[in-house]
């Protein structure tokens, strides 16, 4: 039986909601429904952002939201491990 990966499921959800922004909590709920740890969704979303598949923003309530990035607009965002940890800490402080 085929089971979609969490990454592909996240992209499909974001794509189905395009051009709207999707709250990170929806991706966590999706991960839980697919029997992954919900914290795994945040990690996969960050990876997809750095790979150019998702856009990311912090909304007025200081929550992270993601939006599908169409192929013609994709840009790979290079990041080092130190930058990723700094990014995570910045979000945690806000």
N, C-alpha and C. Protein backbone atom coordinates (compact mmCIF):
# COMPACT_ATOMS: atom_id res chain seq x y z
N UNK A 1 0.84 -1.18 0.00
CA UNK A 1 0.00 0.00 0.00
C UNK A 1 0.89 1.25 0.00
N UNK A 2 0.61 2.19 -0.90
CA UNK A 2 1.40 3.41 -1.02
C UNK A 2 1.02 4.40 0.08
N UNK A 3 2.02 4.94 0.72
CA UNK A 3 1.81 5.97 1.73
C UNK A 3 2.63 7.20 1.32
N UNK A 4 1.98 8.34 1.10
CA UNK A 4 2.73 9.52 0.67
C UNK A 4 3.67 10.00 1.77
N UNK A 5 4.78 10.59 1.36
CA UNK A 5 5.71 11.13 2.35
C UNK A 5 5.12 12.39 2.96
N UNK A 6 5.62 12.76 4.11
CA UNK A 6 5.14 13.97 4.77
C UNK A 6 5.45 15.19 3.92
N UNK A 7 6.64 15.22 3.33
CA UNK A 7 7.01 16.37 2.49
C UNK A 7 6.05 16.54 1.31
N UNK A 8 5.76 15.44 0.63
CA UNK A 8 4.87 15.55 -0.54
C UNK A 8 3.46 15.93 -0.10
N UNK A 9 3.04 15.47 1.06
CA UNK A 9 1.72 15.82 1.57
C UNK A 9 1.64 17.30 1.94
N UNK A 10 2.73 17.83 2.50
CA UNK A 10 2.77 19.25 2.84
C UNK A 10 2.69 20.10 1.57
N UNK A 11 3.44 19.72 0.55
CA UNK A 11 3.41 20.46 -0.72
C UNK A 11 2.01 20.41 -1.32
N UNK A 12 1.37 19.25 -1.29
CA UNK A 12 0.03 19.13 -1.86
C UNK A 12 -0.98 20.00 -1.11
N UNK A 13 -0.88 20.04 0.22
CA UNK A 13 -1.79 20.90 1.00
C UNK A 13 -1.56 22.36 0.66
N UNK A 14 -0.30 22.79 0.63
CA UNK A 14 0.02 24.19 0.31
C UNK A 14 -0.45 24.54 -1.11
N UNK A 15 -0.25 23.60 -2.03
CA UNK A 15 -0.65 23.82 -3.43
C UNK A 15 -2.17 23.94 -3.55
N UNK A 16 -2.89 23.13 -2.78
CA UNK A 16 -4.36 23.17 -2.84
C UNK A 16 -4.92 24.47 -2.27
N UNK A 17 -4.17 25.11 -1.41
CA UNK A 17 -4.61 26.37 -0.79
C UNK A 17 -4.08 27.61 -1.52
N UNK A 18 -3.19 27.41 -2.50
CA UNK A 18 -2.57 28.54 -3.20
C UNK A 18 -3.65 29.40 -3.85
N UNK A 19 -3.61 30.72 -3.75
CA UNK A 19 -2.53 31.59 -3.30
C UNK A 19 -2.62 32.00 -1.83
N UNK A 20 -3.41 31.30 -1.03
CA UNK A 20 -3.55 31.65 0.38
C UNK A 20 -2.39 31.13 1.22
N UNK A 21 -2.14 31.81 2.32
CA UNK A 21 -1.14 31.37 3.29
C UNK A 21 -1.76 30.31 4.18
N UNK A 22 -0.95 29.34 4.60
CA UNK A 22 -1.42 28.23 5.44
C UNK A 22 -0.66 28.30 6.77
N UNK A 23 -1.42 28.31 7.86
CA UNK A 23 -0.83 28.35 9.20
C UNK A 23 -0.05 27.07 9.46
N UNK A 24 1.07 27.17 10.11
CA UNK A 24 1.92 26.00 10.37
C UNK A 24 1.19 24.93 11.18
N UNK A 25 0.20 25.33 11.96
CA UNK A 25 -0.58 24.37 12.73
C UNK A 25 -1.33 23.38 11.85
N UNK A 26 -1.73 23.81 10.67
CA UNK A 26 -2.41 22.88 9.74
C UNK A 26 -1.47 21.79 9.26
N UNK A 27 -0.21 22.15 9.06
CA UNK A 27 0.78 21.15 8.65
C UNK A 27 1.07 20.18 9.79
N UNK A 28 1.07 20.69 11.03
CA UNK A 28 1.27 19.82 12.19
C UNK A 28 0.11 18.85 12.33
N UNK A 29 -1.10 19.33 12.10
CA UNK A 29 -2.27 18.45 12.15
C UNK A 29 -2.19 17.38 11.06
N UNK A 30 -1.76 17.78 9.87
CA UNK A 30 -1.59 16.84 8.76
C UNK A 30 -0.57 15.76 9.14
N UNK A 31 0.54 16.17 9.73
CA UNK A 31 1.57 15.20 10.13
C UNK A 31 1.00 14.21 11.13
N UNK A 32 0.25 14.70 12.10
CA UNK A 32 -0.36 13.83 13.10
C UNK A 32 -1.32 12.83 12.44
N UNK A 33 -2.10 13.31 11.49
CA UNK A 33 -3.05 12.43 10.79
C UNK A 33 -2.33 11.35 9.98
N UNK A 34 -1.12 11.66 9.51
CA UNK A 34 -0.32 10.69 8.75
C UNK A 34 0.57 9.84 9.65
N UNK A 35 0.38 10.00 10.96
CA UNK A 35 1.11 9.23 11.98
C UNK A 35 2.58 9.60 12.09
N UNK A 36 2.87 10.88 11.88
CA UNK A 36 4.19 11.43 12.14
C UNK A 36 4.08 12.28 13.40
N UNK A 37 5.22 12.56 14.04
CA UNK A 37 5.20 13.51 15.14
C UNK A 37 4.89 14.88 14.54
N UNK A 38 4.07 15.65 15.23
CA UNK A 38 3.70 16.96 14.68
C UNK A 38 4.92 17.88 14.54
N UNK A 39 5.92 17.72 15.39
CA UNK A 39 7.12 18.55 15.28
C UNK A 39 7.88 18.28 13.98
N UNK A 40 7.67 17.11 13.41
CA UNK A 40 8.29 16.75 12.14
C UNK A 40 7.81 17.68 11.02
N UNK A 41 6.57 18.14 11.12
CA UNK A 41 6.01 19.02 10.09
C UNK A 41 6.78 20.34 10.00
N UNK A 42 7.13 20.91 11.13
CA UNK A 42 7.89 22.15 11.12
C UNK A 42 9.23 22.00 10.44
N UNK A 43 9.88 20.90 10.73
CA UNK A 43 11.19 20.63 10.12
C UNK A 43 11.05 20.47 8.61
N UNK A 44 10.05 19.72 8.17
CA UNK A 44 9.84 19.51 6.74
C UNK A 44 9.46 20.82 6.04
N UNK A 45 8.66 21.65 6.70
CA UNK A 45 8.30 22.95 6.10
C UNK A 45 9.53 23.83 5.94
N UNK A 46 10.40 23.84 6.94
CA UNK A 46 11.63 24.63 6.81
C UNK A 46 12.49 24.11 5.67
N UNK A 47 12.59 22.79 5.53
CA UNK A 47 13.35 22.21 4.43
C UNK A 47 12.74 22.63 3.08
N UNK A 48 11.42 22.55 2.98
CA UNK A 48 10.75 22.93 1.73
C UNK A 48 10.92 24.41 1.43
N UNK A 49 10.96 25.23 2.46
CA UNK A 49 11.22 26.66 2.28
C UNK A 49 12.63 26.86 1.70
N UNK A 50 13.61 26.18 2.28
CA UNK A 50 14.99 26.34 1.80
C UNK A 50 15.20 25.72 0.43
N UNK A 51 14.38 24.75 0.07
CA UNK A 51 14.45 24.14 -1.26
C UNK A 51 13.67 24.94 -2.30
N UNK A 52 12.92 25.95 -1.86
CA UNK A 52 12.21 26.82 -2.79
C UNK A 52 10.77 26.44 -3.08
N UNK A 53 10.24 25.42 -2.41
CA UNK A 53 8.86 24.98 -2.68
C UNK A 53 7.82 25.81 -1.92
N UNK A 54 8.22 26.41 -0.81
CA UNK A 54 7.30 27.20 0.01
C UNK A 54 7.88 28.58 0.28
N UNK A 55 6.98 29.55 0.43
CA UNK A 55 7.35 30.87 0.94
C UNK A 55 7.02 30.85 2.43
N UNK A 56 7.66 31.72 3.20
CA UNK A 56 7.42 31.74 4.64
C UNK A 56 7.28 33.18 5.12
N UNK A 57 6.38 33.36 6.09
CA UNK A 57 6.25 34.68 6.72
C UNK A 57 5.80 34.47 8.16
N UNK A 58 5.97 35.51 8.96
CA UNK A 58 5.46 35.50 10.33
C UNK A 58 4.30 36.49 10.34
N UNK A 59 3.12 36.02 10.73
CA UNK A 59 1.94 36.88 10.69
C UNK A 59 1.87 37.82 11.89
N UNK A 60 0.80 38.58 12.00
CA UNK A 60 0.64 39.58 13.06
C UNK A 60 0.64 38.96 14.45
N UNK A 61 0.20 37.72 14.57
CA UNK A 61 0.17 37.03 15.86
C UNK A 61 1.49 36.32 16.16
N UNK A 62 2.52 36.60 15.37
CA UNK A 62 3.86 36.01 15.52
C UNK A 62 3.85 34.51 15.27
N UNK A 63 2.97 34.03 14.39
CA UNK A 63 2.92 32.62 14.00
C UNK A 63 3.46 32.48 12.58
N UNK A 64 4.08 31.35 12.31
CA UNK A 64 4.65 31.10 10.99
C UNK A 64 3.56 30.60 10.05
N UNK A 65 3.56 31.14 8.84
CA UNK A 65 2.65 30.70 7.78
C UNK A 65 3.48 30.40 6.54
N UNK A 66 2.98 29.47 5.75
CA UNK A 66 3.66 29.09 4.52
C UNK A 66 2.70 29.19 3.34
N UNK A 67 3.27 29.42 2.16
CA UNK A 67 2.49 29.49 0.93
C UNK A 67 3.25 28.76 -0.15
N UNK A 68 2.53 28.04 -0.99
CA UNK A 68 3.14 27.32 -2.11
C UNK A 68 3.85 28.30 -3.03
N UNK A 69 5.01 27.89 -3.51
CA UNK A 69 5.79 28.70 -4.43
C UNK A 69 5.73 28.04 -5.81
N UNK A 70 5.04 28.65 -6.78
CA UNK A 70 4.98 28.06 -8.13
C UNK A 70 6.38 27.89 -8.72
N UNK A 71 6.51 26.92 -9.59
CA UNK A 71 7.81 26.55 -10.17
C UNK A 71 8.56 27.74 -10.77
N UNK A 72 7.85 28.60 -11.50
CA UNK A 72 8.54 29.72 -12.17
C UNK A 72 9.09 30.75 -11.18
N UNK A 73 8.64 30.73 -9.93
CA UNK A 73 9.11 31.69 -8.92
C UNK A 73 10.08 31.08 -7.92
N UNK A 74 10.39 29.82 -8.06
CA UNK A 74 11.21 29.13 -7.05
C UNK A 74 12.64 29.63 -7.02
N UNK A 75 13.13 29.71 -5.80
CA UNK A 75 14.50 30.13 -5.58
C UNK A 75 15.02 29.34 -4.39
N UNK A 76 16.15 28.69 -4.55
CA UNK A 76 16.74 27.94 -3.45
C UNK A 76 17.35 28.92 -2.46
N UNK A 77 17.04 28.72 -1.19
CA UNK A 77 17.55 29.60 -0.13
C UNK A 77 18.63 28.83 0.63
N UNK A 78 19.89 29.11 0.34
CA UNK A 78 20.95 28.38 1.03
C UNK A 78 21.00 28.75 2.51
N UNK A 79 21.30 27.78 3.35
CA UNK A 79 21.37 28.05 4.78
C UNK A 79 22.34 27.07 5.42
N UNK A 80 23.07 27.58 6.39
CA UNK A 80 23.97 26.72 7.15
C UNK A 80 23.25 26.24 8.40
N UNK A 81 23.79 25.27 9.06
CA UNK A 81 23.19 24.74 10.29
C UNK A 81 23.09 25.84 11.35
N UNK A 82 24.11 26.69 11.44
CA UNK A 82 24.10 27.78 12.42
C UNK A 82 22.97 28.76 12.12
N UNK A 83 22.77 29.07 10.84
CA UNK A 83 21.70 29.99 10.46
C UNK A 83 20.33 29.38 10.77
N UNK A 84 20.19 28.08 10.56
CA UNK A 84 18.92 27.42 10.84
C UNK A 84 18.62 27.46 12.33
N UNK A 85 19.63 27.19 13.17
CA UNK A 85 19.44 27.24 14.61
C UNK A 85 19.09 28.65 15.06
N UNK A 86 19.74 29.66 14.48
CA UNK A 86 19.45 31.05 14.81
C UNK A 86 18.01 31.37 14.40
N UNK A 87 17.59 30.89 13.24
CA UNK A 87 16.24 31.10 12.75
C UNK A 87 15.21 30.50 13.71
N UNK A 88 15.47 29.29 14.17
CA UNK A 88 14.56 28.62 15.10
C UNK A 88 14.48 29.39 16.41
N UNK A 89 15.64 29.83 16.92
CA UNK A 89 15.66 30.58 18.17
C UNK A 89 14.93 31.91 18.03
N UNK A 90 15.09 32.58 16.91
CA UNK A 90 14.40 33.84 16.66
C UNK A 90 12.89 33.66 16.71
N UNK A 91 12.41 32.60 16.07
CA UNK A 91 10.97 32.32 16.09
C UNK A 91 10.50 31.98 17.50
N UNK A 92 11.31 31.27 18.28
CA UNK A 92 10.92 30.88 19.63
C UNK A 92 10.84 32.09 20.56
N UNK A 93 11.72 33.06 20.35
CA UNK A 93 11.73 34.26 21.20
C UNK A 93 10.53 35.14 20.91
N UNK A 94 10.12 35.20 19.67
CA UNK A 94 9.00 36.07 19.29
C UNK A 94 7.76 35.47 19.82
